């Protein structure tokens, strides 16, 4: 497997205290560990050993990575850092008409601290600033779905095990007003779009 940084991607982006930087080859062990943490709860009832769960997760991670790279030509792959420490991953498809949140995952120790909300809000600000729809997929029973709904995403259709959700772009002044009332920076750090 090759780890590819997207050509033309910025060195890093700041989202509040968080830094988004392109994935490097040496990030793959960390990315696999975050993927395992995300999948561990659903696999707990499988009866598999730790080694079997890890092997399954590693295979699934590899397949997911290949799928994303094959089907998302506008993808940007970021590691999320806080104070120089890797805490998760954020993958976006930065297309001309659509900004798709492909993946946002945080390590278990960093969940429930508002980082996910901050990142999804930043994605919506990026979409608003460029007049694009935002899209994501989520399992219908995932608690994060309520967050997405609060941020303006609406159900579109079920695709496999996932609900496809869209958010229409909001006028920039509305996004700035929302940002000001939530304490977020009104002008989002722009994505480097080539």
C-alpha atoms as a PDB file:
ATOM      1  CA  UNK A   1       0.000   0.000   0.000  1.00  0.00           C
ATOM      2  CA  UNK A   2       1.270   3.443  -0.782  1.00  0.00           C
ATOM      3  CA  UNK A   3       0.530   6.490   1.297  1.00  0.00           C
ATOM      4  CA  UNK A   4       0.044   9.437  -0.994  1.00  0.00           C
ATOM      5  CA  UNK A   5      -0.140  13.031   0.071  1.00  0.00           C
ATOM      6  CA  UNK A   6      -2.409  14.880  -2.316  1.00  0.00           C
ATOM      7  CA  UNK A   7      -0.379  17.044  -4.662  1.00  0.00           C
ATOM      8  CA  UNK A   8      -1.012  20.687  -3.954  1.00  0.00           C
ATOM      9  CA  UNK A   9      -2.449  20.009  -0.499  1.00  0.00           C
ATOM     10  CA  UNK A  10      -1.479  22.596   2.102  1.00  0.00           C
ATOM     11  CA  UNK A  11       1.272  21.886   4.595  1.00  0.00           C
ATOM     12  CA  UNK A  12      -1.295  22.281   7.333  1.00  0.00           C
ATOM     13  CA  UNK A  13      -4.608  23.938   8.126  1.00  0.00           C
ATOM     14  CA  UNK A  14      -5.636  25.367  11.473  1.00  0.00           C
ATOM     15  CA  UNK A  15      -9.106  24.726  12.844  1.00  0.00           C
ATOM     16  CA  UNK A  16      -9.094  26.395  16.242  1.00  0.00           C
ATOM     17  CA  UNK A  17      -6.489  24.572  18.317  1.00  0.00           C
ATOM     18  CA  UNK A  18      -6.479  21.645  15.886  1.00  0.00           C
ATOM     19  CA  UNK A  19      -4.065  21.240  13.001  1.00  0.00           C
ATOM     20  CA  UNK A  20      -4.954  19.285   9.871  1.00  0.00           C
ATOM     21  CA  UNK A  21      -1.919  18.103   7.959  1.00  0.00           C
ATOM     22  CA  UNK A  22      -1.618  15.790   4.966  1.00  0.00           C
ATOM     23  CA  UNK A  23      -1.161  12.099   5.720  1.00  0.00           C
ATOM     24  CA  UNK A  24       2.447  10.886   5.488  1.00  0.00           C
ATOM     25  CA  UNK A  25       3.663   7.302   5.059  1.00  0.00           C
ATOM     26  CA  UNK A  26       4.716   7.133   8.729  1.00  0.00           C
ATOM     27  CA  UNK A  27       1.108   7.908   9.795  1.00  0.00           C
ATOM     28  CA  UNK A  28      -0.293   4.571   8.640  1.00  0.00           C
ATOM     29  CA  UNK A  29       0.269   2.664  11.910  1.00  0.00           C
ATOM     30  CA  UNK A  30      -1.541   5.474  13.754  1.00  0.00           C
ATOM     31  CA  UNK A  31      -4.378   5.559  11.186  1.00  0.00           C
ATOM     32  CA  UNK A  32      -4.822   1.797  11.542  1.00  0.00           C
ATOM     33  CA  UNK A  33      -4.967   2.109  15.331  1.00  0.00           C
ATOM     34  CA  UNK A  34      -7.681   4.795  15.117  1.00  0.00           C
ATOM     35  CA  UNK A  35      -9.635   2.586  12.706  1.00  0.00           C
ATOM     36  CA  UNK A  36      -9.382  -0.328  15.162  1.00  0.00           C
ATOM     37  CA  UNK A  37     -10.643   1.901  18.004  1.00  0.00           C
ATOM     38  CA  UNK A  38     -13.650   2.968  15.923  1.00  0.00           C
ATOM     39  CA  UNK A  39     -14.549  -0.611  14.963  1.00  0.00           C
ATOM     40  CA  UNK A  40     -13.758  -2.283  18.319  1.00  0.00           C
ATOM     41  CA  UNK A  41     -17.179  -1.708  19.966  1.00  0.00           C
ATOM     42  CA  UNK A  42     -19.123  -3.316  17.111  1.00  0.00           C
ATOM     43  CA  UNK A  43     -16.736  -6.297  17.034  1.00  0.00           C
ATOM     44  CA  UNK A  44     -16.755  -6.872  20.797  1.00  0.00           C
ATOM     45  CA  UNK A  45     -19.711  -9.259  20.580  1.00  0.00           C
ATOM     46  CA  UNK A  46     -18.110 -11.292  17.776  1.00  0.00           C
ATOM     47  CA  UNK A  47     -16.310 -13.674  20.120  1.00  0.00           C
ATOM     48  CA  UNK A  48     -13.096 -13.075  18.201  1.00  0.00           C
ATOM     49  CA  UNK A  49      -9.742 -12.836  19.911  1.00  0.00           C
ATOM     50  CA  UNK A  50      -7.888  -9.510  19.995  1.00  0.00           C
ATOM     51  CA  UNK A  51      -5.605 -10.799  17.234  1.00  0.00           C
ATOM     52  CA  UNK A  52      -8.573 -11.797  15.048  1.00  0.00           C
ATOM     53  CA  UNK A  53     -10.244  -8.408  15.541  1.00  0.00           C
ATOM     54  CA  UNK A  54      -6.984  -6.611  14.734  1.00  0.00           C
ATOM     55  CA  UNK A  55      -6.453  -8.701  11.584  1.00  0.00           C
ATOM     56  CA  UNK A  56     -10.032  -8.027  10.454  1.00  0.00           C
ATOM     57  CA  UNK A  57      -9.702  -4.292  11.116  1.00  0.00           C
ATOM     58  CA  UNK A  58      -6.362  -4.113   9.325  1.00  0.00           C
ATOM     59  CA  UNK A  59      -7.851  -5.822   6.262  1.00  0.00           C
ATOM     60  CA  UNK A  60     -10.901  -3.534   6.335  1.00  0.00           C
ATOM     61  CA  UNK A  61      -8.717  -0.447   6.733  1.00  0.00           C
ATOM     62  CA  UNK A  62      -6.671  -1.466   3.688  1.00  0.00           C
ATOM     63  CA  UNK A  63      -9.820  -2.054   1.622  1.00  0.00           C
ATOM     64  CA  UNK A  64     -11.303   1.277   2.729  1.00  0.00           C
ATOM     65  CA  UNK A  65      -8.088   3.110   1.864  1.00  0.00           C
ATOM     66  CA  UNK A  66      -8.015   1.535  -1.611  1.00  0.00           C
ATOM     67  CA  UNK A  67     -11.696   2.347  -2.150  1.00  0.00           C
ATOM     68  CA  UNK A  68     -11.267   5.988  -1.183  1.00  0.00           C
ATOM     69  CA  UNK A  69      -8.217   6.424  -3.395  1.00  0.00           C
ATOM     70  CA  UNK A  70      -9.944   4.737  -6.355  1.00  0.00           C
ATOM     71  CA  UNK A  71     -13.309   6.512  -6.100  1.00  0.00           C
ATOM     72  CA  UNK A  72     -12.576   9.988  -4.725  1.00  0.00           C
ATOM     73  CA  UNK A  73     -10.348  11.857  -7.176  1.00  0.00           C
ATOM     74  CA  UNK A  74     -10.683  15.124  -5.235  1.00  0.00           C
ATOM     75  CA  UNK A  75      -9.789  13.576  -1.888  1.00  0.00           C
ATOM     76  CA  UNK A  76      -7.696  15.286   0.768  1.00  0.00           C
ATOM     77  CA  UNK A  77      -6.373  13.008   3.524  1.00  0.00           C
ATOM     78  CA  UNK A  78      -5.538  14.728   6.804  1.00  0.00           C
ATOM     79  CA  UNK A  79      -4.187  13.683  10.180  1.00  0.00           C
ATOM     80  CA  UNK A  80      -5.731  15.705  13.015  1.00  0.00           C
ATOM     81  CA  UNK A  81      -3.226  16.992  15.552  1.00  0.00           C
ATOM     82  CA  UNK A  82      -3.660  18.758  18.877  1.00  0.00           C
ATOM     83  CA  UNK A  83      -0.577  20.356  20.421  1.00  0.00           C
ATOM     84  CA  UNK A  84       1.647  18.284  18.127  1.00  0.00           C
ATOM     85  CA  UNK A  85      -0.017  14.965  19.021  1.00  0.00           C
ATOM     86  CA  UNK A  86      -1.956  12.931  16.444  1.00  0.00           C
ATOM     87  CA  UNK A  87      -5.552  12.471  17.609  1.00  0.00           C
ATOM     88  CA  UNK A  88      -7.492  11.383  14.518  1.00  0.00           C
ATOM     89  CA  UNK A  89      -8.115  11.550  10.802  1.00  0.00           C
ATOM     90  CA  UNK A  90     -10.224  13.720   8.518  1.00  0.00           C
ATOM     91  CA  UNK A  91     -10.762  12.789   4.881  1.00  0.00           C
ATOM     92  CA  UNK A  92     -12.541  15.174   2.510  1.00  0.00           C
ATOM     93  CA  UNK A  93     -13.496  15.037  -1.139  1.00  0.00           C
ATOM     94  CA  UNK A  94     -12.945  18.619  -2.245  1.00  0.00           C
ATOM     95  CA  UNK A  95     -14.825  18.583  -5.562  1.00  0.00           C
ATOM     96  CA  UNK A  96     -15.905  21.563  -7.632  1.00  0.00           C
ATOM     97  CA  UNK A  97     -19.611  21.262  -6.732  1.00  0.00           C
ATOM     98  CA  UNK A  98     -19.550  19.150  -3.586  1.00  0.00           C
ATOM     99  CA  UNK A  99     -17.522  19.028  -0.381  1.00  0.00           C
ATOM    100  CA  UNK A 100     -17.888  15.497   0.956  1.00  0.00           C
ATOM    101  CA  UNK A 101     -16.890  14.522   4.463  1.00  0.00           C
ATOM    102  CA  UNK A 102     -15.579  11.036   3.794  1.00  0.00           C
ATOM    103  CA  UNK A 103     -14.266  10.268   7.251  1.00  0.00           C
ATOM    104  CA  UNK A 104     -13.776  11.894  10.603  1.00  0.00           C
ATOM    105  CA  UNK A 105     -12.433   9.669  13.376  1.00  0.00           C
ATOM    106  CA  UNK A 106     -10.900  10.588  16.705  1.00  0.00           C
ATOM    107  CA  UNK A 107      -8.958   8.412  19.112  1.00  0.00           C
ATOM    108  CA  UNK A 108     -11.061   7.266  22.058  1.00  0.00           C
ATOM    109  CA  UNK A 109      -9.235   9.525  24.543  1.00  0.00           C
ATOM    110  CA  UNK A 110     -10.085  12.617  22.457  1.00  0.00           C
ATOM    111  CA  UNK A 111     -13.799  11.999  21.913  1.00  0.00           C
ATOM    112  CA  UNK A 112     -16.465  13.988  23.713  1.00  0.00           C
ATOM    113  CA  UNK A 113     -14.317  17.136  23.889  1.00  0.00           C
ATOM    114  CA  UNK A 114     -15.964  19.045  21.020  1.00  0.00           C
ATOM    115  CA  UNK A 115     -13.251  18.336  18.443  1.00  0.00           C
ATOM    116  CA  UNK A 116     -15.594  16.434  16.109  1.00  0.00           C
ATOM    117  CA  UNK A 117     -18.199  19.197  16.303  1.00  0.00           C
ATOM    118  CA  UNK A 118     -15.542  21.808  15.572  1.00  0.00           C
ATOM    119  CA  UNK A 119     -14.305  19.867  12.527  1.00  0.00           C
ATOM    120  CA  UNK A 120     -17.744  19.217  11.044  1.00  0.00           C
ATOM    121  CA  UNK A 121     -18.671  22.866  11.597  1.00  0.00           C
ATOM    122  CA  UNK A 122     -15.454  23.856   9.784  1.00  0.00           C
ATOM    123  CA  UNK A 123     -16.415  21.584   6.859  1.00  0.00           C
ATOM    124  CA  UNK A 124     -19.814  23.311   6.631  1.00  0.00           C
ATOM    125  CA  UNK A 125     -18.109  26.721   6.733  1.00  0.00           C
ATOM    126  CA  UNK A 126     -15.821  25.635   3.887  1.00  0.00           C
ATOM    127  CA  UNK A 127     -18.817  24.515   1.844  1.00  0.00           C
ATOM    128  CA  UNK A 128     -20.714  27.740   2.574  1.00  0.00           C
ATOM    129  CA  UNK A 129     -17.742  29.938   1.689  1.00  0.00           C
ATOM    130  CA  UNK A 130     -17.495  28.271  -1.734  1.00  0.00           C
ATOM    131  CA  UNK A 131     -21.238  27.843  -2.390  1.00  0.00           C
ATOM    132  CA  UNK A 132     -21.074  24.040  -2.433  1.00  0.00           C
ATOM    133  CA  UNK A 133     -23.299  21.356  -0.995  1.00  0.00           C
ATOM    134  CA  UNK A 134     -21.802  19.236   1.769  1.00  0.00           C
ATOM    135  CA  UNK A 135     -22.365  15.481   1.923  1.00  0.00           C
ATOM    136  CA  UNK A 136     -21.614  12.687   4.340  1.00  0.00           C
ATOM    137  CA  UNK A 137     -22.659   9.116   5.076  1.00  0.00           C
ATOM    138  CA  UNK A 138     -23.535   7.897   8.559  1.00  0.00           C
ATOM    139  CA  UNK A 139     -25.055   4.785  10.086  1.00  0.00           C
ATOM    140  CA  UNK A 140     -28.659   5.688  10.981  1.00  0.00           C
ATOM    141  CA  UNK A 141     -28.193   4.732  14.652  1.00  0.00           C
ATOM    142  CA  UNK A 142     -24.856   6.538  15.084  1.00  0.00           C
ATOM    143  CA  UNK A 143     -25.205   9.221  17.800  1.00  0.00           C
ATOM    144  CA  UNK A 144     -23.203  11.610  15.570  1.00  0.00           C
ATOM    145  CA  UNK A 145     -26.219  11.769  13.242  1.00  0.00           C
ATOM    146  CA  UNK A 146     -27.895  14.170  15.689  1.00  0.00           C
ATOM    147  CA  UNK A 147     -24.896  16.494  15.458  1.00  0.00           C
ATOM    148  CA  UNK A 148     -25.074  16.429  11.663  1.00  0.00           C
ATOM    149  CA  UNK A 149     -28.776  17.274  11.794  1.00  0.00           C
ATOM    150  CA  UNK A 150     -28.105  20.198  14.162  1.00  0.00           C
ATOM    151  CA  UNK A 151     -25.555  21.502  11.672  1.00  0.00           C
ATOM    152  CA  UNK A 152     -28.114  21.424   8.858  1.00  0.00           C
ATOM    153  CA  UNK A 153     -27.583  18.042   7.205  1.00  0.00           C
ATOM    154  CA  UNK A 154     -30.778  16.301   6.072  1.00  0.00           C
ATOM    155  CA  UNK A 155     -31.433  12.678   5.207  1.00  0.00           C
ATOM    156  CA  UNK A 156     -31.348  11.865   1.517  1.00  0.00           C
ATOM    157  CA  UNK A 157     -31.434   8.091   1.092  1.00  0.00           C
ATOM    158  CA  UNK A 158     -30.163   4.844   2.556  1.00  0.00           C
ATOM    159  CA  UNK A 159     -27.224   3.375   0.669  1.00  0.00           C
ATOM    160  CA  UNK A 160     -26.305  -0.013   2.042  1.00  0.00           C
ATOM    161  CA  UNK A 161     -25.880   0.366   5.800  1.00  0.00           C
ATOM    162  CA  UNK A 162     -25.515   4.147   5.630  1.00  0.00           C
ATOM    163  CA  UNK A 163     -27.739   7.193   5.423  1.00  0.00           C
ATOM    164  CA  UNK A 164     -26.594   9.688   2.809  1.00  0.00           C
ATOM    165  CA  UNK A 165     -27.024  13.226   4.158  1.00  0.00           C
ATOM    166  CA  UNK A 166     -26.687  16.568   2.400  1.00  0.00           C
ATOM    167  CA  UNK A 167     -26.437  20.139   3.557  1.00  0.00           C
ATOM    168  CA  UNK A 168     -27.224  22.968   1.167  1.00  0.00           C
ATOM    169  CA  UNK A 169     -24.818  25.918   1.183  1.00  0.00           C
ATOM    170  CA  UNK A 170     -25.855  28.791   3.407  1.00  0.00           C
ATOM    171  CA  UNK A 171     -25.227  32.433   2.569  1.00  0.00           C
ATOM    172  CA  UNK A 172     -21.807  33.411   3.901  1.00  0.00           C
ATOM    173  CA  UNK A 173     -23.229  36.124   6.155  1.00  0.00           C
ATOM    174  CA  UNK A 174     -25.449  33.483   7.817  1.00  0.00           C
ATOM    175  CA  UNK A 175     -22.431  31.242   8.285  1.00  0.00           C
ATOM    176  CA  UNK A 176     -20.491  34.158   9.789  1.00  0.00           C
ATOM    177  CA  UNK A 177     -23.352  34.976  12.155  1.00  0.00           C
ATOM    178  CA  UNK A 178     -23.554  31.335  13.211  1.00  0.00           C
ATOM    179  CA  UNK A 179     -19.782  31.217  13.670  1.00  0.00           C
ATOM    180  CA  UNK A 180     -19.825  34.339  15.819  1.00  0.00           C
ATOM    181  CA  UNK A 181     -22.583  33.006  18.073  1.00  0.00           C
ATOM    182  CA  UNK A 182     -20.791  29.664  18.513  1.00  0.00           C
ATOM    183  CA  UNK A 183     -17.364  31.154  19.188  1.00  0.00           C
ATOM    184  CA  UNK A 184     -15.867  29.814  15.961  1.00  0.00           C
ATOM    185  CA  UNK A 185     -13.743  31.962  13.673  1.00  0.00           C
ATOM    186  CA  UNK A 186     -15.985  33.675  11.122  1.00  0.00           C
ATOM    187  CA  UNK A 187     -13.555  33.201   8.234  1.00  0.00           C
ATOM    188  CA  UNK A 188     -12.649  29.524   7.862  1.00  0.00           C
ATOM    189  CA  UNK A 189      -9.127  28.597   6.857  1.00  0.00           C
ATOM    190  CA  UNK A 190      -9.446  27.922   3.126  1.00  0.00           C
ATOM    191  CA  UNK A 191      -8.647  24.600   1.544  1.00  0.00           C
ATOM    192  CA  UNK A 192      -5.909  24.773  -1.043  1.00  0.00           C
ATOM    193  CA  UNK A 193      -7.857  23.924  -4.197  1.00  0.00           C
ATOM    194  CA  UNK A 194      -5.864  23.467  -7.402  1.00  0.00           C
END
